Amino acid sequence: MKTKPVKLTVTGMAYNKHDEDEAMHMTTFGTLSGDAKQWKLRYTERHAGSEEKHDITMTMGEGMVTVARKGAFASDLVFRKGHRFEGNYQTPYGVLSMGIYPTQVDYSVNKDGDGEVSLRYQLDIQGRYTSVHKLDIAFETKKKDGRA
């Protein structure tokens, strides 16, 4: 499939150990490319009330999802159910070690390029458990009749 424009709805929830839970909901636009073996979803994340933005590239294939996040707060993550991943979280204040343990890694894309990604994972920073996360992304291609 050649690159198609998509509308994304991103919903996230962080269940924090010591702080209040954090919810996130965002609608944005991006692109989808790929085939039945591997899909690439690209979009820009912008936070309300801030100039901060992050370019996200999500690759889905072989039962695995990778997320490359570029910007002031950057990371590269690998989500494979039941496999712990350790990496770095780059911030303007320094680099932190980060680990994730995914308990759910699901994605689907239909022949039209509509689909979804569902991730559930435990997060630790600097070797300490911080939270459990839910991330759901639904995306749909622009239809010929003008609907998104």
C-alpha atoms as a PDB file:
ATOM      1  CA  MET A   1       0.000   0.000   0.000  1.00  0.00           C
ATOM      2  CA  LYS A   2       1.276   3.422  -0.814  1.00  0.00           C
ATOM      3  CA  THR A   3       1.180   6.008   1.959  1.00  0.00           C
ATOM      4  CA  LYS A   4      -2.356   7.034   2.907  1.00  0.00           C
ATOM      5  CA  PRO A   5      -3.490   9.904   5.135  1.00  0.00           C
ATOM      6  CA  VAL A   6      -5.236   8.759   8.327  1.00  0.00           C
ATOM      7  CA  LYS A   7      -7.163  10.340  11.172  1.00  0.00           C
ATOM      8  CA  LEU A   8      -6.068   9.021  14.578  1.00  0.00           C
ATOM      9  CA  THR A   9      -7.778   8.978  17.933  1.00  0.00           C
ATOM     10  CA  VAL A  10      -5.263   8.365  20.711  1.00  0.00           C
ATOM     11  CA  THR A  11      -6.511   7.480  24.197  1.00  0.00           C
ATOM     12  CA  GLY A  12      -4.173   6.740  27.059  1.00  0.00           C
ATOM     13  CA  MET A  13      -4.344   6.128  30.775  1.00  0.00           C
ATOM     14  CA  ALA A  14      -1.527   5.926  33.305  1.00  0.00           C
ATOM     15  CA  TYR A  15      -2.319   4.297  36.634  1.00  0.00           C
ATOM     16  CA  ASN A  16       0.348   5.803  38.883  1.00  0.00           C
ATOM     17  CA  LYS A  17       1.662   4.225  42.050  1.00  0.00           C
ATOM     18  CA  HIS A  18       1.813   7.357  44.237  1.00  0.00           C
ATOM     19  CA  ASP A  19       0.197  10.133  42.177  1.00  0.00           C
ATOM     20  CA  GLU A  20      -3.183  10.711  40.588  1.00  0.00           C
ATOM     21  CA  ASP A  21      -3.986   8.662  37.518  1.00  0.00           C
ATOM     22  CA  GLU A  22      -3.415  10.507  34.243  1.00  0.00           C
ATOM     23  CA  ALA A  23      -5.745  10.380  31.238  1.00  0.00           C
ATOM     24  CA  MET A  24      -4.889  11.517  27.727  1.00  0.00           C
ATOM     25  CA  HIS A  25      -7.131  11.925  24.675  1.00  0.00           C
ATOM     26  CA  MET A  26      -6.037  13.383  21.368  1.00  0.00           C
ATOM     27  CA  THR A  27      -7.252  13.462  17.777  1.00  0.00           C
ATOM     28  CA  THR A  28      -4.658  14.119  15.094  1.00  0.00           C
ATOM     29  CA  PHE A  29      -3.751  13.283  11.516  1.00  0.00           C
ATOM     30  CA  GLY A  30      -0.917  11.187  10.168  1.00  0.00           C
ATOM     31  CA  THR A  31       0.009   8.632   7.518  1.00  0.00           C
ATOM     32  CA  LEU A  32      -0.121   4.859   7.177  1.00  0.00           C
ATOM     33  CA  SER A  33       2.059   2.794   4.859  1.00  0.00           C
ATOM     34  CA  GLY A  34       2.984  -0.852   4.524  1.00  0.00           C
ATOM     35  CA  ASP A  35       1.476  -4.236   3.783  1.00  0.00           C
ATOM     36  CA  ALA A  36       0.153  -7.317   5.613  1.00  0.00           C
ATOM     37  CA  LYS A  37       3.651  -8.084   6.998  1.00  0.00           C
ATOM     38  CA  GLN A  38       4.505  -4.647   8.389  1.00  0.00           C
ATOM     39  CA  TRP A  39       2.699  -1.339   8.848  1.00  0.00           C
ATOM     40  CA  LYS A  40       4.110   2.112   9.644  1.00  0.00           C
ATOM     41  CA  LEU A  41       1.924   4.715  11.307  1.00  0.00           C
ATOM     42  CA  ARG A  42       3.382   8.236  11.548  1.00  0.00           C
ATOM     43  CA  TYR A  43       1.885  11.196  13.362  1.00  0.00           C
ATOM     44  CA  THR A  44       2.779  14.259  15.414  1.00  0.00           C
ATOM     45  CA  GLU A  45       1.732  14.509  19.046  1.00  0.00           C
ATOM     46  CA  ARG A  46       1.021  18.034  20.293  1.00  0.00           C
ATOM     47  CA  HIS A  47       0.154  18.888  23.879  1.00  0.00           C
ATOM     48  CA  ALA A  48      -2.548  21.462  24.593  1.00  0.00           C
ATOM     49  CA  GLY A  49      -1.239  24.678  26.099  1.00  0.00           C
ATOM     50  CA  SER A  50       2.328  23.908  25.059  1.00  0.00           C
ATOM     51  CA  GLU A  51       4.603  24.398  22.059  1.00  0.00           C
ATOM     52  CA  GLU A  52       5.920  20.897  22.695  1.00  0.00           C
ATOM     53  CA  LYS A  53       5.519  18.391  19.869  1.00  0.00           C
ATOM     54  CA  HIS A  54       6.770  14.884  19.226  1.00  0.00           C
ATOM     55  CA  ASP A  55       7.033  12.996  15.955  1.00  0.00           C
ATOM     56  CA  ILE A  56       5.905   9.397  16.448  1.00  0.00           C
ATOM     57  CA  THR A  57       6.656   6.452  14.160  1.00  0.00           C
ATOM     58  CA  MET A  58       4.868   3.262  15.153  1.00  0.00           C
ATOM     59  CA  THR A  59       5.830   0.064  13.327  1.00  0.00           C
ATOM     60  CA  MET A  60       3.561  -2.981  13.600  1.00  0.00           C
ATOM     61  CA  GLY A  61       4.634  -6.433  12.423  1.00  0.00           C
ATOM     62  CA  GLU A  62       5.306 -10.018  13.528  1.00  0.00           C
ATOM     63  CA  GLY A  63       3.291  -9.627  16.732  1.00  0.00           C
ATOM     64  CA  MET A  64       5.421  -6.687  17.821  1.00  0.00           C
ATOM     65  CA  VAL A  65       4.974  -2.907  17.937  1.00  0.00           C
ATOM     66  CA  THR A  66       7.912  -0.495  18.020  1.00  0.00           C
ATOM     67  CA  VAL A  67       7.497   3.180  18.852  1.00  0.00           C
ATOM     68  CA  ALA A  68      10.122   5.790  17.962  1.00  0.00           C
ATOM     69  CA  ARG A  69       9.369   9.122  19.644  1.00  0.00           C
ATOM     70  CA  LYS A  70      11.421  12.152  18.560  1.00  0.00           C
ATOM     71  CA  GLY A  71      11.422  15.564  20.239  1.00  0.00           C
ATOM     72  CA  ALA A  72      12.373  17.082  23.594  1.00  0.00           C
ATOM     73  CA  PHE A  73      11.279  13.868  25.348  1.00  0.00           C
ATOM     74  CA  ALA A  74      12.487  11.032  23.104  1.00  0.00           C
ATOM     75  CA  SER A  75      12.505   7.260  23.349  1.00  0.00           C
ATOM     76  CA  ASP A  76      12.553   4.087  21.276  1.00  0.00           C
ATOM     77  CA  LEU A  77      10.363   1.299  22.652  1.00  0.00           C
ATOM     78  CA  VAL A  78       9.736  -2.315  21.674  1.00  0.00           C
ATOM     79  CA  PHE A  79       6.427  -3.904  22.689  1.00  0.00           C
ATOM     80  CA  ARG A  80       6.353  -7.697  22.516  1.00  0.00           C
ATOM     81  CA  LYS A  81       3.890  -9.383  24.859  1.00  0.00           C
ATOM     82  CA  GLY A  82       5.623 -10.993  27.819  1.00  0.00           C
ATOM     83  CA  HIS A  83       9.098  -9.655  26.897  1.00  0.00           C
ATOM     84  CA  ARG A  84      10.691  -6.933  28.997  1.00  0.00           C
ATOM     85  CA  PHE A  85      12.347  -4.105  27.084  1.00  0.00           C
ATOM     86  CA  GLU A  86      14.943  -1.734  28.532  1.00  0.00           C
ATOM     87  CA  GLY A  87      15.953   1.523  26.901  1.00  0.00           C
ATOM     88  CA  ASN A  88      16.539   5.213  27.523  1.00  0.00           C
ATOM     89  CA  TYR A  89      14.206   8.157  27.950  1.00  0.00           C
ATOM     90  CA  GLN A  90      15.860  11.362  26.731  1.00  0.00           C
ATOM     91  CA  THR A  91      14.665  14.528  28.440  1.00  0.00           C
ATOM     92  CA  PRO A  92      15.903  18.137  28.362  1.00  0.00           C
ATOM     93  CA  TYR A  93      17.167  17.455  31.906  1.00  0.00           C
ATOM     94  CA  GLY A  94      19.162  14.299  31.122  1.00  0.00           C
ATOM     95  CA  VAL A  95      18.822  10.664  30.145  1.00  0.00           C
ATOM     96  CA  LEU A  96      16.864   8.217  32.304  1.00  0.00           C
ATOM     97  CA  SER A  97      16.813   4.436  32.038  1.00  0.00           C
ATOM     98  CA  MET A  98      13.365   3.094  31.277  1.00  0.00           C
ATOM     99  CA  GLY A  99      11.890  -0.392  31.212  1.00  0.00           C
ATOM    100  CA  ILE A 100       8.561  -1.683  29.967  1.00  0.00           C
ATOM    101  CA  TYR A 101       6.849  -5.025  30.411  1.00  0.00           C
ATOM    102  CA  PRO A 102       3.951  -5.387  27.927  1.00  0.00           C
ATOM    103  CA  THR A 103       0.966  -7.510  28.974  1.00  0.00           C
ATOM    104  CA  GLN A 104      -1.088  -6.785  25.826  1.00  0.00           C
ATOM    105  CA  VAL A 105       0.174  -6.015  22.333  1.00  0.00           C
ATOM    106  CA  ASP A 106      -2.619  -6.099  19.738  1.00  0.00           C
ATOM    107  CA  TYR A 107      -3.005  -4.398  16.383  1.00  0.00           C
ATOM    108  CA  SER A 108      -5.078  -4.829  13.263  1.00  0.00           C
ATOM    109  CA  VAL A 109      -5.257  -3.097   9.901  1.00  0.00           C
ATOM    110  CA  ASN A 110      -7.932  -3.896   7.317  1.00  0.00           C
ATOM    111  CA  LYS A 111      -7.568  -3.774   3.528  1.00  0.00           C
ATOM    112  CA  ASP A 112      -8.747  -0.135   3.449  1.00  0.00           C
ATOM    113  CA  GLY A 113      -6.097   0.965   5.946  1.00  0.00           C
ATOM    114  CA  ASP A 114      -8.428   1.379   8.924  1.00  0.00           C
ATOM    115  CA  GLY A 115      -7.254  -0.192  12.163  1.00  0.00           C
ATOM    116  CA  GLU A 116      -6.288  -0.007  15.785  1.00  0.00           C
ATOM    117  CA  VAL A 117      -3.453  -0.595  18.216  1.00  0.00           C
ATOM    118  CA  SER A 118      -3.941  -1.604  21.868  1.00  0.00           C
ATOM    119  CA  LEU A 119      -1.022  -1.683  24.288  1.00  0.00           C
ATOM    120  CA  ARG A 120      -1.002  -2.450  28.030  1.00  0.00           C
ATOM    121  CA  TYR A 121       2.297  -2.310  29.872  1.00  0.00           C
ATOM    122  CA  GLN A 122       4.079  -1.716  33.141  1.00  0.00           C
ATOM    123  CA  LEU A 123       6.619   1.126  33.183  1.00  0.00           C
ATOM    124  CA  ASP A 124       9.640   1.636  35.375  1.00  0.00           C
ATOM    125  CA  ILE A 125      12.055   4.577  35.408  1.00  0.00           C
ATOM    126  CA  GLN A 126      15.575   4.256  36.791  1.00  0.00           C
ATOM    127  CA  GLY A 127      14.745   0.681  37.852  1.00  0.00           C
ATOM    128  CA  ARG A 128      11.710   1.687  39.936  1.00  0.00           C
ATOM    129  CA  TYR A 129       8.125   0.774  39.142  1.00  0.00           C
ATOM    130  CA  THR A 130       6.141   3.917  38.299  1.00  0.00           C
ATOM    131  CA  SER A 131       2.860   2.981  36.618  1.00  0.00           C
ATOM    132  CA  VAL A 132       0.715   0.734  34.479  1.00  0.00           C
ATOM    133  CA  HIS A 133      -0.314   2.166  31.099  1.00  0.00           C
ATOM    134  CA  LYS A 134      -3.127   1.664  28.614  1.00  0.00           C
ATOM    135  CA  LEU A 135      -2.695   3.069  25.124  1.00  0.00           C
ATOM    136  CA  ASP A 136      -5.360   2.703  22.431  1.00  0.00           C
ATOM    137  CA  ILE A 137      -5.016   4.193  18.963  1.00  0.00           C
ATOM    138  CA  ALA A 138      -7.773   3.967  16.369  1.00  0.00           C
ATOM    139  CA  PHE A 139      -7.060   5.163  12.841  1.00  0.00           C
ATOM    140  CA  GLU A 140      -9.075   5.501   9.678  1.00  0.00           C
ATOM    141  CA  THR A 141      -8.210   6.497   6.133  1.00  0.00           C
ATOM    142  CA  LYS A 142      -9.859   9.328   4.317  1.00  0.00           C
ATOM    143  CA  LYS A 143     -12.737   7.896   2.288  1.00  0.00           C
ATOM    144  CA  LYS A 144     -13.511   8.947  -1.280  1.00  0.00           C
ATOM    145  CA  ASP A 145     -16.821  10.522  -0.231  1.00  0.00           C
ATOM    146  CA  GLY A 146     -14.898  12.993   1.971  1.00  0.00           C
ATOM    147  CA  ARG A 147     -15.489  11.319   5.325  1.00  0.00           C
ATOM    148  CA  ALA A 148     -12.441  10.704   7.484  1.00  0.00           C
END
